[in-house]
C-alpha atoms as a PDB file:
ATOM      1  CA  UNK A   1      60.589 -82.672 -75.013  1.00  0.00           C
ATOM      2  CA  UNK A   2      60.881 -86.280 -76.209  1.00  0.00           C
ATOM      3  CA  UNK A   3      58.816 -87.370 -79.210  1.00  0.00           C
ATOM      4  CA  UNK A   4      58.019 -90.888 -80.398  1.00  0.00           C
ATOM      5  CA  UNK A   5      56.933 -91.412 -84.018  1.00  0.00           C
ATOM      6  CA  UNK A   6      55.279 -94.746 -84.836  1.00  0.00           C
ATOM      7  CA  UNK A   7      55.820 -96.144 -88.340  1.00  0.00           C
ATOM      8  CA  UNK A   8      58.496 -96.912 -90.900  1.00  0.00           C
ATOM      9  CA  UNK A   9      57.566 -95.302 -94.212  1.00  0.00           C
ATOM     10  CA  UNK A  10      57.907 -92.070 -96.150  1.00  0.00           C
ATOM     11  CA  UNK A  11      55.082 -90.473 -94.154  1.00  0.00           C
ATOM     12  CA  UNK A  12      56.954 -91.039 -90.889  1.00  0.00           C
ATOM     13  CA  UNK A  13      60.172 -89.762 -92.506  1.00  0.00           C
ATOM     14  CA  UNK A  14      58.372 -86.520 -93.378  1.00  0.00           C
ATOM     15  CA  UNK A  15      56.956 -86.263 -89.842  1.00  0.00           C
ATOM     16  CA  UNK A  16      60.414 -86.737 -88.306  1.00  0.00           C
ATOM     17  CA  UNK A  17      61.816 -84.099 -90.679  1.00  0.00           C
ATOM     18  CA  UNK A  18      59.254 -81.566 -89.464  1.00  0.00           C
ATOM     19  CA  UNK A  19      59.503 -82.511 -85.786  1.00  0.00           C
ATOM     20  CA  UNK A  20      63.308 -82.172 -85.920  1.00  0.00           C
ATOM     21  CA  UNK A  21      62.886 -78.498 -86.861  1.00  0.00           C
ATOM     22  CA  UNK A  22      61.116 -77.651 -83.600  1.00  0.00           C
ATOM     23  CA  UNK A  23      63.294 -75.954 -80.948  1.00  0.00           C
ATOM     24  CA  UNK A  24      61.095 -77.617 -78.310  1.00  0.00           C
ATOM     25  CA  UNK A  25      62.178 -81.123 -79.295  1.00  0.00           C
ATOM     26  CA  UNK A  26      65.297 -82.558 -77.635  1.00  0.00           C
ATOM     27  CA  UNK A  27      65.015 -86.188 -78.743  1.00  0.00           C
ATOM     28  CA  UNK A  28      63.133 -88.118 -81.431  1.00  0.00           C
ATOM     29  CA  UNK A  29      62.498 -91.864 -81.400  1.00  0.00           C
ATOM     30  CA  UNK A  30      60.885 -93.790 -84.263  1.00  0.00           C
ATOM     31  CA  UNK A  31      59.459 -97.299 -83.950  1.00  0.00           C
ATOM     32  CA  UNK A  32      60.465 -99.192 -85.954  1.00  0.00           C
ATOM     33  CA  UNK A  33      61.789 -96.530 -88.354  1.00  0.00           C
ATOM     34  CA  UNK A  34      64.065 -97.195 -91.319  1.00  0.00           C
ATOM     35  CA  UNK A  35      67.577 -96.418 -92.583  1.00  0.00           C
ATOM     36  CA  UNK A  36      66.597 -92.976 -93.850  1.00  0.00           C
ATOM     37  CA  UNK A  37      64.787 -92.023 -90.643  1.00  0.00           C
ATOM     38  CA  UNK A  38      67.865 -93.082 -88.635  1.00  0.00           C
ATOM     39  CA  UNK A  39      69.568 -89.854 -89.755  1.00  0.00           C
ATOM     40  CA  UNK A  40      66.939 -87.865 -87.835  1.00  0.00           C
ATOM     41  CA  UNK A  41      65.782 -90.121 -85.016  1.00  0.00           C
ATOM     42  CA  UNK A  42      66.836 -93.073 -82.891  1.00  0.00           C
ATOM     43  CA  UNK A  43      65.129 -96.102 -84.396  1.00  0.00           C
ATOM     44  CA  UNK A  44      63.590 -98.515 -81.896  1.00  0.00           C
ATOM     45  CA  UNK A  45      63.111-102.215 -82.829  1.00  0.00           C
ATOM     46  CA  UNK A  46      59.431-102.335 -81.870  1.00  0.00           C
ATOM     47  CA  UNK A  47      56.734-103.090 -84.442  1.00  0.00           C
ATOM     48  CA  UNK A  48      53.983-100.556 -85.065  1.00  0.00           C
ATOM     49  CA  UNK A  49      51.348-103.110 -83.967  1.00  0.00           C
ATOM     50  CA  UNK A  50      53.082-104.055 -80.701  1.00  0.00           C
ATOM     51  CA  UNK A  51      50.993-101.699 -78.580  1.00  0.00           C
ATOM     52  CA  UNK A  52      52.018-103.072 -75.169  1.00  0.00           C
ATOM     53  CA  UNK A  53      55.720-102.722 -75.992  1.00  0.00           C
ATOM     54  CA  UNK A  54      55.218 -99.215 -77.373  1.00  0.00           C
ATOM     55  CA  UNK A  55      53.351 -98.143 -74.228  1.00  0.00           C
ATOM     56  CA  UNK A  56      56.081 -99.628 -72.029  1.00  0.00           C
ATOM     57  CA  UNK A  57      58.776 -97.866 -74.071  1.00  0.00           C
ATOM     58  CA  UNK A  58      56.937 -94.537 -73.850  1.00  0.00           C
ATOM     59  CA  UNK A  59      56.676 -94.837 -70.066  1.00  0.00           C
ATOM     60  CA  UNK A  60      60.231 -96.062 -69.499  1.00  0.00           C
ATOM     61  CA  UNK A  61      61.718 -93.316 -71.658  1.00  0.00           C
ATOM     62  CA  UNK A  62      59.368 -90.596 -70.421  1.00  0.00           C
ATOM     63  CA  UNK A  63      58.031 -89.782 -73.892  1.00  0.00           C
ATOM     64  CA  UNK A  64      56.165 -86.465 -73.844  1.00  0.00           C
ATOM     65  CA  UNK A  65      54.299 -86.857 -77.128  1.00  0.00           C
ATOM     66  CA  UNK A  66      53.664 -89.714 -79.581  1.00  0.00           C
ATOM     67  CA  UNK A  67      52.707 -89.244 -83.240  1.00  0.00           C
ATOM     68  CA  UNK A  68      51.208 -92.177 -85.134  1.00  0.00           C
ATOM     69  CA  UNK A  69      51.558 -92.045 -88.909  1.00  0.00           C
ATOM     70  CA  UNK A  70      50.782 -95.591 -90.091  1.00  0.00           C
ATOM     71  CA  UNK A  71      47.212 -96.614 -90.879  1.00  0.00           C
ATOM     72  CA  UNK A  72      47.303-100.125 -89.386  1.00  0.00           C
ATOM     73  CA  UNK A  73      48.039 -99.164 -85.752  1.00  0.00           C
ATOM     74  CA  UNK A  74      45.501 -96.333 -85.940  1.00  0.00           C
ATOM     75  CA  UNK A  75      42.820 -98.712 -87.204  1.00  0.00           C
ATOM     76  CA  UNK A  76      43.905-101.180 -84.524  1.00  0.00           C
ATOM     77  CA  UNK A  77      43.237 -98.623 -81.771  1.00  0.00           C
ATOM     78  CA  UNK A  78      46.717 -97.535 -80.691  1.00  0.00           C
ATOM     79  CA  UNK A  79      45.474 -94.040 -79.797  1.00  0.00           C
ATOM     80  CA  UNK A  80      42.800 -95.509 -77.509  1.00  0.00           C
ATOM     81  CA  UNK A  81      45.454 -97.693 -75.817  1.00  0.00           C
ATOM     82  CA  UNK A  82      47.853 -94.780 -75.249  1.00  0.00           C
ATOM     83  CA  UNK A  83      45.104 -92.511 -73.928  1.00  0.00           C
ATOM     84  CA  UNK A  84      43.942 -95.235 -71.541  1.00  0.00           C
ATOM     85  CA  UNK A  85      47.470 -95.245 -70.097  1.00  0.00           C
ATOM     86  CA  UNK A  86      47.473 -91.465 -69.707  1.00  0.00           C
ATOM     87  CA  UNK A  87      49.981 -90.897 -72.536  1.00  0.00           C
ATOM     88  CA  UNK A  88      49.741 -87.913 -74.896  1.00  0.00           C
ATOM     89  CA  UNK A  89      49.288 -89.108 -78.484  1.00  0.00           C
ATOM     90  CA  UNK A  90      48.319 -87.568 -81.820  1.00  0.00           C
ATOM     91  CA  UNK A  91      46.066 -89.449 -84.221  1.00  0.00           C
ATOM     92  CA  UNK A  92      42.423 -90.487 -84.685  1.00  0.00           C
ATOM     93  CA  UNK A  93      40.869 -92.984 -82.293  1.00  0.00           C
ATOM     94  CA  UNK A  94      39.832 -96.425 -83.534  1.00  0.00           C
ATOM     95  CA  UNK A  95      36.223 -95.426 -84.233  1.00  0.00           C
ATOM     96  CA  UNK A  96      37.425 -92.577 -86.481  1.00  0.00           C
ATOM     97  CA  UNK A  97      40.366 -94.379 -88.126  1.00  0.00           C
ATOM     98  CA  UNK A  98      37.944 -96.824 -89.732  1.00  0.00           C
ATOM     99  CA  UNK A  99      37.362 -94.132 -92.369  1.00  0.00           C
ATOM    100  CA  UNK A 100      40.811 -94.982 -93.720  1.00  0.00           C
ATOM    101  CA  UNK A 101      40.901 -98.602 -92.653  1.00  0.00           C
ATOM    102  CA  UNK A 102      37.696 -99.688 -94.369  1.00  0.00           C
ATOM    103  CA  UNK A 103      37.054 -98.502 -97.907  1.00  0.00           C
ATOM    104  CA  UNK A 104      33.585-100.064 -97.798  1.00  0.00           C
ATOM    105  CA  UNK A 105      32.696 -98.117 -94.624  1.00  0.00           C
ATOM    106  CA  UNK A 106      34.014 -94.807 -95.971  1.00  0.00           C
ATOM    107  CA  UNK A 107      32.279 -95.183 -99.350  1.00  0.00           C
ATOM    108  CA  UNK A 108      28.982 -96.162 -97.683  1.00  0.00           C
ATOM    109  CA  UNK A 109      29.313 -93.156 -95.357  1.00  0.00           C
ATOM    110  CA  UNK A 110      29.863 -90.782 -98.282  1.00  0.00           C
ATOM    111  CA  UNK A 111      26.897 -92.237-100.125  1.00  0.00           C
ATOM    112  CA  UNK A 112      24.657 -91.945 -97.042  1.00  0.00           C
ATOM    113  CA  UNK A 113      25.437 -88.254 -96.507  1.00  0.00           C
ATOM    114  CA  UNK A 114      25.618 -87.285-100.198  1.00  0.00           C
ATOM    115  CA  UNK A 115      29.345 -86.586-100.162  1.00  0.00           C
ATOM    116  CA  UNK A 116      30.661 -86.642-103.756  1.00  0.00           C
ATOM    117  CA  UNK A 117      32.614 -89.826-104.493  1.00  0.00           C
ATOM    118  CA  UNK A 118      33.323 -92.098-107.454  1.00  0.00           C
ATOM    119  CA  UNK A 119      30.883 -94.908-108.264  1.00  0.00           C
ATOM    120  CA  UNK A 120      31.585 -98.166-106.434  1.00  0.00           C
ATOM    121  CA  UNK A 121      30.258-101.593-105.509  1.00  0.00           C
ATOM    122  CA  UNK A 122      30.951-103.802-102.479  1.00  0.00           C
ATOM    123  CA  UNK A 123      31.126-107.598-102.704  1.00  0.00           C
ATOM    124  CA  UNK A 124      31.540-110.411-100.200  1.00  0.00           C
ATOM    125  CA  UNK A 125      31.109-113.175-102.771  1.00  0.00           C
ATOM    126  CA  UNK A 126      34.104-113.622-105.165  1.00  0.00           C
ATOM    127  CA  UNK A 127      31.912-114.919-108.004  1.00  0.00           C
ATOM    128  CA  UNK A 128      29.592-111.919-107.814  1.00  0.00           C
ATOM    129  CA  UNK A 129      32.628-109.619-107.940  1.00  0.00           C
ATOM    130  CA  UNK A 130      33.996-111.431-111.004  1.00  0.00           C
ATOM    131  CA  UNK A 131      30.614-111.249-112.725  1.00  0.00           C
ATOM    132  CA  UNK A 132      30.527-107.487-112.120  1.00  0.00           C
ATOM    133  CA  UNK A 133      34.013-107.083-113.605  1.00  0.00           C
ATOM    134  CA  UNK A 134      32.890-108.772-116.833  1.00  0.00           C
ATOM    135  CA  UNK A 135      30.729-105.747-117.696  1.00  0.00           C
ATOM    136  CA  UNK A 136      32.471-102.996-115.675  1.00  0.00           C
ATOM    137  CA  UNK A 137      34.073-100.104-117.539  1.00  0.00           C
ATOM    138  CA  UNK A 138      37.872-100.111-117.356  1.00  0.00           C
ATOM    139  CA  UNK A 139      40.107 -98.895-115.790  1.00  0.00           C
ATOM    140  CA  UNK A 140      38.855 -99.975-112.378  1.00  0.00           C
ATOM    141  CA  UNK A 141      40.367-100.114-108.890  1.00  0.00           C
ATOM    142  CA  UNK A 142      40.070-103.183-106.652  1.00  0.00           C
ATOM    143  CA  UNK A 143      40.469-102.858-102.886  1.00  0.00           C
ATOM    144  CA  UNK A 144      40.357-105.538-100.201  1.00  0.00           C
ATOM    145  CA  UNK A 145      38.383-104.243 -97.223  1.00  0.00           C
ATOM    146  CA  UNK A 146      40.832-105.316 -94.561  1.00  0.00           C
ATOM    147  CA  UNK A 147      43.397-103.055 -92.862  1.00  0.00           C
ATOM    148  CA  UNK A 148      46.928-103.616 -94.107  1.00  0.00           C
ATOM    149  CA  UNK A 149      45.928-105.919 -96.964  1.00  0.00           C
ATOM    150  CA  UNK A 150      46.708-104.750-100.466  1.00  0.00           C
ATOM    151  CA  UNK A 151      44.768-106.543-103.201  1.00  0.00           C
ATOM    152  CA  UNK A 152      47.940-107.308-105.160  1.00  0.00           C
ATOM    153  CA  UNK A 153      49.905-108.733-102.248  1.00  0.00           C
ATOM    154  CA  UNK A 154      47.354-110.762-100.314  1.00  0.00           C
ATOM    155  CA  UNK A 155      49.572-113.849-100.078  1.00  0.00           C
ATOM    156  CA  UNK A 156      53.036-112.313 -99.863  1.00  0.00           C
ATOM    157  CA  UNK A 157      52.905-111.346 -96.187  1.00  0.00           C
ATOM    158  CA  UNK A 158      51.948-114.887 -95.179  1.00  0.00           C
ATOM    159  CA  UNK A 159      54.611-116.320 -97.476  1.00  0.00           C
ATOM    160  CA  UNK A 160      57.289-114.104 -95.943  1.00  0.00           C
ATOM    161  CA  UNK A 161      56.224-115.033 -92.409  1.00  0.00           C
ATOM    162  CA  UNK A 162      56.356-118.740 -93.262  1.00  0.00           C
ATOM    163  CA  UNK A 163      59.826-118.347 -94.805  1.00  0.00           C
ATOM    164  CA  UNK A 164      61.120-116.569 -91.710  1.00  0.00           C
ATOM    165  CA  UNK A 165      59.627-119.141 -89.324  1.00  0.00           C
ATOM    166  CA  UNK A 166      61.105-121.989 -91.350  1.00  0.00           C
ATOM    167  CA  UNK A 167      64.542-120.354 -91.331  1.00  0.00           C
ATOM    168  CA  UNK A 168      64.385-119.928 -87.553  1.00  0.00           C
ATOM    169  CA  UNK A 169      63.504-123.603 -87.108  1.00  0.00           C
ATOM    170  CA  UNK A 170      66.466-124.671 -89.251  1.00  0.00           C
ATOM    171  CA  UNK A 171      69.082-122.248 -87.922  1.00  0.00           C
ATOM    172  CA  UNK A 172      67.865-121.497 -84.417  1.00  0.00           C
ATOM    173  CA  UNK A 173      68.128-117.788 -85.114  1.00  0.00           C
ATOM    174  CA  UNK A 174      68.397-115.607 -88.194  1.00  0.00           C
ATOM    175  CA  UNK A 175      71.887-114.617 -89.296  1.00  0.00           C
ATOM    176  CA  UNK A 176      72.495-111.301 -91.037  1.00  0.00           C
ATOM    177  CA  UNK A 177      73.025-113.200 -94.294  1.00  0.00           C
ATOM    178  CA  UNK A 178      69.725-115.047 -93.890  1.00  0.00           C
ATOM    179  CA  UNK A 179      67.905-111.794 -93.166  1.00  0.00           C
ATOM    180  CA  UNK A 180      69.403-110.250 -96.299  1.00  0.00           C
ATOM    181  CA  UNK A 181      68.458-113.273 -98.430  1.00  0.00           C
ATOM    182  CA  UNK A 182      64.842-113.176 -97.207  1.00  0.00           C
ATOM    183  CA  UNK A 183      64.617-109.413 -97.742  1.00  0.00           C
ATOM    184  CA  UNK A 184      65.892-109.656-101.317  1.00  0.00           C
ATOM    185  CA  UNK A 185      63.603-112.611-102.080  1.00  0.00           C
ATOM    186  CA  UNK A 186      60.583-110.759-100.683  1.00  0.00           C
ATOM    187  CA  UNK A 187      61.481-107.657-102.702  1.00  0.00           C
ATOM    188  CA  UNK A 188      61.724-109.730-105.879  1.00  0.00           C
ATOM    189  CA  UNK A 189      58.279-111.232-105.203  1.00  0.00           C
ATOM    190  CA  UNK A 190      56.721-107.795-104.700  1.00  0.00           C
ATOM    191  CA  UNK A 191      58.358-106.341-107.820  1.00  0.00           C
ATOM    192  CA  UNK A 192      57.374-109.319-109.972  1.00  0.00           C
ATOM    193  CA  UNK A 193      53.768-109.136-108.728  1.00  0.00           C
ATOM    194  CA  UNK A 194      53.570-105.423-109.505  1.00  0.00           C
ATOM    195  CA  UNK A 195      55.007-105.966-112.973  1.00  0.00           C
ATOM    196  CA  UNK A 196      52.417-108.653-113.757  1.00  0.00           C
ATOM    197  CA  UNK A 197      49.534-106.503-112.477  1.00  0.00           C
ATOM    198  CA  UNK A 198      50.736-103.445-114.419  1.00  0.00           C
ATOM    199  CA  UNK A 199      51.204-105.393-117.651  1.00  0.00           C
ATOM    200  CA  UNK A 200      47.683-106.819-117.354  1.00  0.00           C
ATOM    201  CA  UNK A 201      46.193-103.372-116.668  1.00  0.00           C
ATOM    202  CA  UNK A 202      48.046-101.860-119.653  1.00  0.00           C
ATOM    203  CA  UNK A 203      46.713-104.604-121.915  1.00  0.00           C
ATOM    204  CA  UNK A 204      43.138-104.046-120.708  1.00  0.00           C
ATOM    205  CA  UNK A 205      43.270-100.256-121.151  1.00  0.00           C
ATOM    206  CA  UNK A 206      45.564 -99.955-124.148  1.00  0.00           C
ATOM    207  CA  UNK A 207      47.590 -97.319-122.322  1.00  0.00           C
ATOM    208  CA  UNK A 208      51.266 -96.837-123.147  1.00  0.00           C
ATOM    209  CA  UNK A 209      52.284 -94.696-120.173  1.00  0.00           C
ATOM    210  CA  UNK A 210      52.840 -95.860-116.621  1.00  0.00           C
ATOM    211  CA  UNK A 211      53.268 -93.618-113.558  1.00  0.00           C
ATOM    212  CA  UNK A 212      54.811 -95.076-110.390  1.00  0.00           C
ATOM    213  CA  UNK A 213      53.578 -93.041-107.417  1.00  0.00           C
ATOM    214  CA  UNK A 214      53.823 -93.413-103.658  1.00  0.00           C
ATOM    215  CA  UNK A 215      56.776 -94.314-101.465  1.00  0.00           C
ATOM    216  CA  UNK A 216      57.340 -97.459-103.533  1.00  0.00           C
ATOM    217  CA  UNK A 217      58.534 -95.262-106.405  1.00  0.00           C
ATOM    218  CA  UNK A 218      61.790 -94.761-104.500  1.00  0.00           C
ATOM    219  CA  UNK A 219      62.638 -98.449-104.985  1.00  0.00           C
ATOM    220  CA  UNK A 220      65.418 -98.650-107.597  1.00  0.00           C
ATOM    221  CA  UNK A 221      64.723-102.270-108.567  1.00  0.00           C
ATOM    222  CA  UNK A 222      61.052-101.525-109.170  1.00  0.00           C
ATOM    223  CA  UNK A 223      61.889 -98.523-111.351  1.00  0.00           C
ATOM    224  CA  UNK A 224      64.377-100.550-113.392  1.00  0.00           C
ATOM    225  CA  UNK A 225      62.049-103.567-113.782  1.00  0.00           C
ATOM    226  CA  UNK A 226      59.020-101.533-114.871  1.00  0.00           C
ATOM    227  CA  UNK A 227      61.252 -99.325-117.022  1.00  0.00           C
ATOM    228  CA  UNK A 228      62.508-102.375-118.951  1.00  0.00           C
ATOM    229  CA  UNK A 229      58.979-103.758-119.233  1.00  0.00           C
ATOM    230  CA  UNK A 230      57.609-100.501-120.653  1.00  0.00           C
ATOM    231  CA  UNK A 231      60.507-100.212-123.103  1.00  0.00           C
ATOM    232  CA  UNK A 232      59.762-103.707-124.399  1.00  0.00           C
ATOM    233  CA  UNK A 233      56.088-102.764-124.734  1.00  0.00           C
ATOM    234  CA  UNK A 234      56.968 -99.599-126.638  1.00  0.00           C
ATOM    235  CA  UNK A 235      55.729 -97.373-123.826  1.00  0.00           C
ATOM    236  CA  UNK A 236      57.038 -94.935-121.231  1.00  0.00           C
ATOM    237  CA  UNK A 237      57.322 -94.971-117.443  1.00  0.00           C
ATOM    238  CA  UNK A 238      57.370 -91.941-115.150  1.00  0.00           C
ATOM    239  CA  UNK A 239      58.223 -91.657-111.453  1.00  0.00           C
ATOM    240  CA  UNK A 240      59.196 -88.912-108.989  1.00  0.00           C
ATOM    241  CA  UNK A 241      62.843 -88.379-108.196  1.00  0.00           C
ATOM    242  CA  UNK A 242      63.743 -90.207-104.927  1.00  0.00           C
ATOM    243  CA  UNK A 243      63.921 -86.988-102.875  1.00  0.00           C
ATOM    244  CA  UNK A 244      60.259 -86.366-103.616  1.00  0.00           C
ATOM    245  CA  UNK A 245      59.115 -89.761-102.332  1.00  0.00           C
ATOM    246  CA  UNK A 246      58.849 -88.705 -98.675  1.00  0.00           C
ATOM    247  CA  UNK A 247      55.642 -86.741 -99.087  1.00  0.00           C
ATOM    248  CA  UNK A 248      52.404 -87.257-100.999  1.00  0.00           C
ATOM    249  CA  UNK A 249      51.999 -83.574-101.783  1.00  0.00           C
ATOM    250  CA  UNK A 250      55.405 -83.406-103.437  1.00  0.00           C
ATOM    251  CA  UNK A 251      54.717 -86.590-105.407  1.00  0.00           C
ATOM    252  CA  UNK A 252      51.398 -85.216-106.665  1.00  0.00           C
ATOM    253  CA  UNK A 253      53.076 -81.963-107.676  1.00  0.00           C
ATOM    254  CA  UNK A 254      55.875 -83.745-109.521  1.00  0.00           C
ATOM    255  CA  UNK A 255      53.441 -86.092-111.267  1.00  0.00           C
ATOM    256  CA  UNK A 256      51.517 -82.992-112.355  1.00  0.00           C
ATOM    257  CA  UNK A 257      54.731 -81.552-113.758  1.00  0.00           C
ATOM    258  CA  UNK A 258      55.328 -84.721-115.797  1.00  0.00           C
ATOM    259  CA  UNK A 259      51.762 -84.504-117.103  1.00  0.00           C
ATOM    260  CA  UNK A 260      52.234 -80.849-118.058  1.00  0.00           C
ATOM    261  CA  UNK A 261      55.536 -81.688-119.749  1.00  0.00           C
ATOM    262  CA  UNK A 262      53.640 -84.123-121.998  1.00  0.00           C
ATOM    263  CA  UNK A 263      51.238 -81.350-122.970  1.00  0.00           C
ATOM    264  CA  UNK A 264      48.382 -82.694-120.863  1.00  0.00           C
ATOM    265  CA  UNK A 265      46.564 -80.002-118.892  1.00  0.00           C
ATOM    266  CA  UNK A 266      44.193 -80.634-115.993  1.00  0.00           C
ATOM    267  CA  UNK A 267      40.636 -79.329-116.191  1.00  0.00           C
ATOM    268  CA  UNK A 268      40.968 -77.953-112.682  1.00  0.00           C
ATOM    269  CA  UNK A 269      43.419 -75.430-111.246  1.00  0.00           C
ATOM    270  CA  UNK A 270      44.513 -76.898-107.935  1.00  0.00           C
ATOM    271  CA  UNK A 271      47.037 -75.581-105.442  1.00  0.00           C
ATOM    272  CA  UNK A 272      48.932 -78.648-104.207  1.00  0.00           C
ATOM    273  CA  UNK A 273      50.395 -78.344-100.733  1.00  0.00           C
ATOM    274  CA  UNK A 274      52.381 -81.016 -98.829  1.00  0.00           C
ATOM    275  CA  UNK A 275      50.585 -82.477 -95.818  1.00  0.00           C
ATOM    276  CA  UNK A 276      53.757 -82.178 -93.761  1.00  0.00           C
ATOM    277  CA  UNK A 277      56.392 -79.453 -93.708  1.00  0.00           C
ATOM    278  CA  UNK A 278      59.523 -80.558 -95.567  1.00  0.00           C
ATOM    279  CA  UNK A 279      62.937 -79.260 -96.456  1.00  0.00           C
ATOM    280  CA  UNK A 280      62.834 -76.917 -99.439  1.00  0.00           C
ATOM    281  CA  UNK A 281      62.357 -78.677-102.762  1.00  0.00           C
ATOM    282  CA  UNK A 282      64.402 -77.563-105.776  1.00  0.00           C
ATOM    283  CA  UNK A 283      62.449 -75.454-108.258  1.00  0.00           C
ATOM    284  CA  UNK A 284      61.210 -77.337-111.317  1.00  0.00           C
END
């Protein structure tokens, strides 16, 4: 059978790794995929939010089954679109994906049905939110209630789009060198923003240890930048080894190992299992 995986991150890499192990699968496509995924699947230059193009590709290539890993297309209703076209697809429909897409919705739902969750407040007025932060106990997490919008990077996506559009106007089309320049510039902006946010959070909390988790921890420049920053601050930085950055379960397990190594034990005994089957991890 032919399988299409939609997405381009570590989650989709893990999905492709598992799908490739099935004797029933003859061909794997990933849209848009990435350099690492290319070793397992044929990457297709179609964005995860380009539903019409993805549907057309699935029909033209006789895709038997589509797996959607990214949050944004799920929240946008890609499963509903595929099902309406009679295509087999795995993932929650739009009305269920909102649980991940809207933190305000999910927290309100948990509160309504008495599902245990951390304390929270929702704000639509910036000044009210700032007033709350003046007396809130730190550390605290801030989330923008819009799919695909990270609080720390609210302006970077627009900035990148404007840079690309301007380059196209000047050159007619993007050369490989221009693409590389934009990619490196965008990476620098993201890394610098993260460094500023982390330094501010460390100052507020007085902490001297920083853990980089998630797929972003595989980024060498980010590790080096935050490593230098923490050294200058007299602190330490921890992050999973790159091979562990394809799966949340593995990252949680490795972070737990680092915590144990520092003599810090958890109050709870938890069996951590990866969400997706992976190649065997080396014993720690």
